[in-house]
Amino acid sequence: MTVFGTADRLAGFGGVAPVPRDSGKLSGNLRRPQRYNRRLQRVFYTSALFSIRHCEESRRFYDRKRAEGKRHTQAVLALARRRVNVLWALLRDGRRYEPAPPARAAA
């Protein structure tokens, strides 16, 4: 955790988040990193793909991104980034992931 410091840096290292390419005069210039850990990116991407199939919340997020006009790969990378944030929070707080129980319909 101390190597990266934030979830943003972990996501940038894994290639699922844009990194700043600012010069001295320009700011806000975000691009995909040229150097990133491809194995880690594959883990994040594959995790997102499987979660689309098996997790309703992930599927809803993916469908929302597709409805916004994102291509399949862009939507999966957005979900992967979201999952990195959740993973970071779990590691930071020392907790395990516990999916929320399905909501029951009121009788």
N, C-alpha and C. Protein backbone atom coordinates (compact mmCIF):
# COMPACT_ATOMS: atom_id res chain seq x y z
N MET A 1 0.83 -1.19 0.00
CA MET A 1 0.00 0.00 0.00
C MET A 1 0.88 1.26 0.00
N THR A 2 2.00 1.20 0.68
CA THR A 2 2.84 2.38 0.75
C THR A 2 3.57 2.65 -0.55
N VAL A 3 3.72 1.63 -1.39
CA VAL A 3 4.42 1.82 -2.66
C VAL A 3 3.62 2.75 -3.57
N PHE A 4 2.30 2.60 -3.58
CA PHE A 4 1.47 3.37 -4.48
C PHE A 4 0.87 4.61 -3.81
N GLY A 5 0.47 4.50 -2.58
CA GLY A 5 -0.07 5.65 -1.87
C GLY A 5 -1.55 5.89 -2.07
N THR A 6 -2.04 5.76 -3.30
CA THR A 6 -3.46 5.98 -3.57
C THR A 6 -3.98 4.95 -4.58
N ALA A 7 -5.30 4.82 -4.64
CA ALA A 7 -5.90 3.92 -5.62
C ALA A 7 -5.63 4.41 -7.04
N ASP A 8 -5.53 5.72 -7.22
CA ASP A 8 -5.26 6.28 -8.54
C ASP A 8 -3.91 5.81 -9.08
N ARG A 9 -2.92 5.79 -8.21
CA ARG A 9 -1.59 5.36 -8.65
C ARG A 9 -1.56 3.87 -8.95
N LEU A 10 -2.27 3.07 -8.17
CA LEU A 10 -2.37 1.64 -8.45
C LEU A 10 -3.05 1.41 -9.78
N ALA A 11 -4.13 2.13 -10.04
CA ALA A 11 -4.85 1.99 -11.31
C ALA A 11 -3.98 2.45 -12.48
N GLY A 12 -3.22 3.50 -12.30
CA GLY A 12 -2.31 3.95 -13.35
C GLY A 12 -1.22 2.94 -13.62
N PHE A 13 -0.68 2.34 -12.56
CA PHE A 13 0.35 1.31 -12.71
C PHE A 13 -0.21 0.09 -13.43
N GLY A 14 -1.49 -0.21 -13.17
CA GLY A 14 -2.14 -1.35 -13.81
C GLY A 14 -2.67 -1.05 -15.19
N GLY A 15 -2.59 0.19 -15.64
CA GLY A 15 -3.01 0.52 -16.99
C GLY A 15 -4.51 0.67 -17.18
N VAL A 16 -5.27 0.84 -16.11
CA VAL A 16 -6.72 0.99 -16.24
C VAL A 16 -7.18 2.40 -15.94
N ALA A 17 -6.24 3.34 -15.81
CA ALA A 17 -6.60 4.73 -15.55
C ALA A 17 -5.65 5.63 -16.32
N PRO A 18 -6.15 6.75 -16.80
CA PRO A 18 -5.26 7.70 -17.48
C PRO A 18 -4.32 8.36 -16.48
N VAL A 19 -3.15 8.72 -16.98
CA VAL A 19 -2.17 9.41 -16.14
C VAL A 19 -1.90 10.78 -16.74
N PRO A 20 -1.57 11.75 -15.91
CA PRO A 20 -1.30 13.09 -16.45
C PRO A 20 -0.01 13.13 -17.25
N ARG A 21 -0.05 13.83 -18.37
CA ARG A 21 1.13 14.07 -19.20
C ARG A 21 1.29 15.57 -19.34
N ASP A 22 1.30 16.25 -18.21
CA ASP A 22 1.34 17.71 -18.22
C ASP A 22 2.76 18.21 -18.45
N SER A 23 2.85 19.29 -19.17
CA SER A 23 4.13 19.98 -19.31
C SER A 23 4.13 21.14 -18.33
N GLY A 24 5.08 22.03 -18.43
CA GLY A 24 5.13 23.16 -17.51
C GLY A 24 3.98 24.12 -17.70
N LYS A 25 3.45 24.25 -18.91
CA LYS A 25 2.40 25.23 -19.18
C LYS A 25 1.02 24.62 -19.32
N LEU A 26 0.94 23.36 -19.69
CA LEU A 26 -0.35 22.69 -19.89
C LEU A 26 -0.68 21.82 -18.70
N SER A 27 -1.95 21.79 -18.33
CA SER A 27 -2.38 20.89 -17.27
C SER A 27 -3.70 20.25 -17.69
N GLY A 28 -3.99 19.11 -17.09
CA GLY A 28 -5.22 18.40 -17.43
C GLY A 28 -5.09 17.56 -18.68
N ASN A 29 -3.87 17.29 -19.10
CA ASN A 29 -3.61 16.49 -20.30
C ASN A 29 -3.48 15.03 -19.88
N LEU A 30 -4.57 14.26 -19.98
CA LEU A 30 -4.58 12.87 -19.53
C LEU A 30 -4.47 11.93 -20.72
N ARG A 31 -3.61 10.93 -20.58
CA ARG A 31 -3.44 9.93 -21.63
C ARG A 31 -3.26 8.57 -20.99
N ARG A 32 -3.44 7.55 -21.80
CA ARG A 32 -3.18 6.20 -21.33
C ARG A 32 -1.67 6.06 -21.12
N PRO A 33 -1.27 5.44 -20.02
CA PRO A 33 0.16 5.33 -19.77
C PRO A 33 0.84 4.44 -20.79
N GLN A 34 2.07 4.79 -21.16
CA GLN A 34 2.84 3.96 -22.08
C GLN A 34 3.51 2.81 -21.34
N ARG A 35 3.86 3.07 -20.10
CA ARG A 35 4.46 2.02 -19.29
C ARG A 35 3.48 1.63 -18.21
N TYR A 36 3.08 0.39 -18.23
CA TYR A 36 2.20 -0.13 -17.19
C TYR A 36 2.40 -1.63 -17.12
N ASN A 37 1.99 -2.21 -16.03
CA ASN A 37 2.15 -3.63 -15.81
C ASN A 37 1.04 -4.37 -16.55
N ARG A 38 1.41 -5.03 -17.63
CA ARG A 38 0.42 -5.69 -18.45
C ARG A 38 -0.22 -6.90 -17.77
N ARG A 39 0.52 -7.56 -16.93
CA ARG A 39 -0.07 -8.68 -16.18
C ARG A 39 -1.15 -8.18 -15.22
N LEU A 40 -0.86 -7.09 -14.55
CA LEU A 40 -1.84 -6.52 -13.63
C LEU A 40 -3.06 -6.01 -14.39
N GLN A 41 -2.84 -5.41 -15.54
CA GLN A 41 -3.97 -4.97 -16.35
C GLN A 41 -4.83 -6.15 -16.78
N ARG A 42 -4.20 -7.25 -17.15
CA ARG A 42 -4.94 -8.44 -17.55
C ARG A 42 -5.77 -8.97 -16.39
N VAL A 43 -5.22 -8.94 -15.17
CA VAL A 43 -5.96 -9.38 -13.99
C VAL A 43 -7.18 -8.49 -13.75
N PHE A 44 -6.98 -7.18 -13.79
CA PHE A 44 -8.10 -6.25 -13.59
C PHE A 44 -9.16 -6.42 -14.67
N TYR A 45 -8.74 -6.53 -15.93
CA TYR A 45 -9.67 -6.63 -17.05
C TYR A 45 -10.45 -7.93 -16.99
N THR A 46 -9.76 -9.04 -16.73
CA THR A 46 -10.43 -10.34 -16.65
C THR A 46 -11.40 -10.39 -15.48
N SER A 47 -11.00 -9.80 -14.37
CA SER A 47 -11.88 -9.73 -13.22
C SER A 47 -13.17 -8.98 -13.56
N ALA A 48 -13.02 -7.88 -14.29
CA ALA A 48 -14.20 -7.10 -14.68
C ALA A 48 -15.09 -7.90 -15.63
N LEU A 49 -14.49 -8.63 -16.57
CA LEU A 49 -15.28 -9.44 -17.49
C LEU A 49 -16.10 -10.50 -16.76
N PHE A 50 -15.48 -11.19 -15.82
CA PHE A 50 -16.19 -12.21 -15.07
C PHE A 50 -17.27 -11.60 -14.19
N SER A 51 -17.00 -10.43 -13.64
CA SER A 51 -17.99 -9.82 -12.76
C SER A 51 -19.23 -9.37 -13.54
N ILE A 52 -19.06 -9.05 -14.82
CA ILE A 52 -20.22 -8.69 -15.64
C ILE A 52 -21.19 -9.86 -15.73
N ARG A 53 -20.64 -11.06 -15.82
CA ARG A 53 -21.48 -12.26 -15.94
C ARG A 53 -22.11 -12.68 -14.62
N HIS A 54 -21.41 -12.46 -13.51
CA HIS A 54 -21.82 -13.07 -12.25
C HIS A 54 -22.29 -12.09 -11.18
N CYS A 55 -22.18 -10.81 -11.41
CA CYS A 55 -22.58 -9.83 -10.40
C CYS A 55 -23.56 -8.84 -11.04
N GLU A 56 -24.74 -8.77 -10.47
CA GLU A 56 -25.78 -7.89 -11.03
C GLU A 56 -25.38 -6.42 -10.97
N GLU A 57 -24.73 -6.00 -9.90
CA GLU A 57 -24.33 -4.60 -9.77
C GLU A 57 -23.30 -4.23 -10.84
N SER A 58 -22.36 -5.14 -11.09
CA SER A 58 -21.36 -4.89 -12.14
C SER A 58 -22.02 -4.86 -13.52
N ARG A 59 -23.00 -5.73 -13.71
CA ARG A 59 -23.71 -5.76 -15.00
C ARG A 59 -24.46 -4.45 -15.23
N ARG A 60 -25.10 -3.94 -14.18
CA ARG A 60 -25.80 -2.66 -14.31
C ARG A 60 -24.84 -1.53 -14.64
N PHE A 61 -23.67 -1.50 -13.99
CA PHE A 61 -22.66 -0.48 -14.27
C PHE A 61 -22.19 -0.57 -15.72
N TYR A 62 -21.92 -1.80 -16.18
CA TYR A 62 -21.49 -2.02 -17.56
C TYR A 62 -22.56 -1.55 -18.55
N ASP A 63 -23.80 -1.95 -18.30
CA ASP A 63 -24.90 -1.55 -19.19
C ASP A 63 -25.08 -0.04 -19.21
N ARG A 64 -24.91 0.62 -18.06
CA ARG A 64 -25.01 2.07 -18.01
C ARG A 64 -23.92 2.73 -18.85
N LYS A 65 -22.72 2.21 -18.77
CA LYS A 65 -21.62 2.77 -19.57
C LYS A 65 -21.86 2.54 -21.06
N ARG A 66 -22.42 1.40 -21.41
CA ARG A 66 -22.73 1.13 -22.82
C ARG A 66 -23.83 2.07 -23.30
N ALA A 67 -24.80 2.35 -22.45
CA ALA A 67 -25.88 3.28 -22.80
C ALA A 67 -25.35 4.70 -22.97
N GLU A 68 -24.25 5.03 -22.29
CA GLU A 68 -23.63 6.35 -22.43
C GLU A 68 -22.85 6.48 -23.74
N GLY A 69 -22.75 5.38 -24.49
CA GLY A 69 -22.06 5.43 -25.76
C GLY A 69 -20.65 4.87 -25.75
N LYS A 70 -20.24 4.26 -24.64
CA LYS A 70 -18.91 3.67 -24.56
C LYS A 70 -18.88 2.37 -25.33
N ARG A 71 -17.73 2.08 -25.92
CA ARG A 71 -17.55 0.78 -26.58
C ARG A 71 -17.35 -0.28 -25.50
N HIS A 72 -17.40 -1.54 -25.89
CA HIS A 72 -17.29 -2.65 -24.95
C HIS A 72 -16.00 -2.54 -24.13
N THR A 73 -14.88 -2.36 -24.78
CA THR A 73 -13.60 -2.30 -24.08
C THR A 73 -13.54 -1.12 -23.12
N GLN A 74 -14.06 0.01 -23.53
CA GLN A 74 -14.08 1.18 -22.65
C GLN A 74 -14.94 0.94 -21.42
N ALA A 75 -16.09 0.29 -21.62
CA ALA A 75 -16.98 0.01 -20.49
C ALA A 75 -16.34 -0.99 -19.53
N VAL A 76 -15.66 -1.99 -20.06
CA VAL A 76 -15.00 -2.98 -19.20
C VAL A 76 -13.85 -2.32 -18.43
N LEU A 77 -13.08 -1.45 -19.08
CA LEU A 77 -12.00 -0.75 -18.39
C LEU A 77 -12.54 0.17 -17.30
N ALA A 78 -13.68 0.80 -17.55
CA ALA A 78 -14.30 1.65 -16.53
C ALA A 78 -14.71 0.80 -15.32
N LEU A 79 -15.25 -0.37 -15.58
CA LEU A 79 -15.62 -1.27 -14.49
C LEU A 79 -14.37 -1.77 -13.76
N ALA A 80 -13.32 -2.06 -14.50
CA ALA A 80 -12.07 -2.50 -13.87
C ALA A 80 -11.54 -1.41 -12.95
N ARG A 81 -11.61 -0.17 -13.40
CA ARG A 81 -11.15 0.94 -12.57
C ARG A 81 -11.98 1.04 -11.29
N ARG A 82 -13.27 0.86 -11.43
CA ARG A 82 -14.15 0.91 -10.26
C ARG A 82 -13.80 -0.20 -9.28
N ARG A 83 -13.49 -1.37 -9.82
CA ARG A 83 -13.12 -2.50 -8.97
C ARG A 83 -11.78 -2.28 -8.27
N VAL A 84 -10.87 -1.56 -8.91
CA VAL A 84 -9.59 -1.20 -8.27
C VAL A 84 -9.87 -0.33 -7.06
N ASN A 85 -10.79 0.62 -7.20
CA ASN A 85 -11.13 1.49 -6.07
C ASN A 85 -11.70 0.69 -4.90
N VAL A 86 -12.55 -0.28 -5.20
CA VAL A 86 -13.13 -1.13 -4.15
C VAL A 86 -12.04 -1.98 -3.50
N LEU A 87 -11.17 -2.56 -4.32
CA LEU A 87 -10.07 -3.37 -3.80
C LEU A 87 -9.18 -2.54 -2.89
N TRP A 88 -8.89 -1.32 -3.31
CA TRP A 88 -8.04 -0.45 -2.50
C TRP A 88 -8.69 -0.16 -1.14
N ALA A 89 -9.98 0.13 -1.16
CA ALA A 89 -10.69 0.42 0.09
C ALA A 89 -10.70 -0.80 1.01
N LEU A 90 -10.87 -1.99 0.44
CA LEU A 90 -10.86 -3.20 1.26
C LEU A 90 -9.49 -3.43 1.89
N LEU A 91 -8.44 -3.24 1.11
CA LEU A 91 -7.09 -3.40 1.64
C LEU A 91 -6.78 -2.35 2.70
N ARG A 92 -7.19 -1.12 2.45
CA ARG A 92 -6.94 -0.02 3.39
C ARG A 92 -7.62 -0.27 4.73
N ASP A 93 -8.87 -0.77 4.67
CA ASP A 93 -9.65 -0.96 5.88
C ASP A 93 -9.45 -2.35 6.51
N GLY A 94 -8.73 -3.23 5.81
CA GLY A 94 -8.49 -4.57 6.33
C GLY A 94 -9.76 -5.41 6.40
N ARG A 95 -10.63 -5.25 5.41
CA ARG A 95 -11.90 -5.98 5.40
C ARG A 95 -11.93 -6.98 4.26
N ARG A 96 -12.89 -7.87 4.31
CA ARG A 96 -13.17 -8.81 3.22
C ARG A 96 -14.37 -8.30 2.45
N TYR A 97 -14.43 -8.68 1.19
CA TYR A 97 -15.57 -8.28 0.36
C TYR A 97 -16.77 -9.12 0.75
N GLU A 98 -17.86 -8.46 1.00
CA GLU A 98 -19.12 -9.13 1.32
C GLU A 98 -20.20 -8.56 0.42
N PRO A 99 -20.67 -9.35 -0.54
CA PRO A 99 -21.72 -8.82 -1.42
C PRO A 99 -22.99 -8.58 -0.62
N ALA A 100 -23.68 -7.54 -1.00
CA ALA A 100 -24.93 -7.20 -0.33
C ALA A 100 -25.97 -8.27 -0.67
N PRO A 101 -26.76 -8.69 0.31
CA PRO A 101 -27.80 -9.68 0.00
C PRO A 101 -28.82 -9.08 -0.95
N PRO A 102 -29.42 -9.91 -1.80
CA PRO A 102 -30.42 -9.39 -2.72
C PRO A 102 -31.59 -8.77 -1.99
N ALA A 103 -32.08 -7.67 -2.53
CA ALA A 103 -33.21 -6.98 -1.91
C ALA A 103 -34.47 -7.81 -2.08
N ARG A 104 -35.21 -7.94 -1.01
CA ARG A 104 -36.45 -8.71 -1.07
C ARG A 104 -37.60 -7.78 -1.36
N ALA A 105 -38.52 -8.26 -2.14
CA ALA A 105 -39.71 -7.46 -2.44
C ALA A 105 -40.62 -7.42 -1.22
N ALA A 106 -41.17 -6.25 -0.99
CA ALA A 106 -42.08 -6.10 0.15
C ALA A 106 -43.38 -6.85 -0.14
N ALA A 107 -43.89 -7.53 0.84
CA ALA A 107 -45.11 -8.32 0.64
C ALA A 107 -46.35 -7.50 0.78
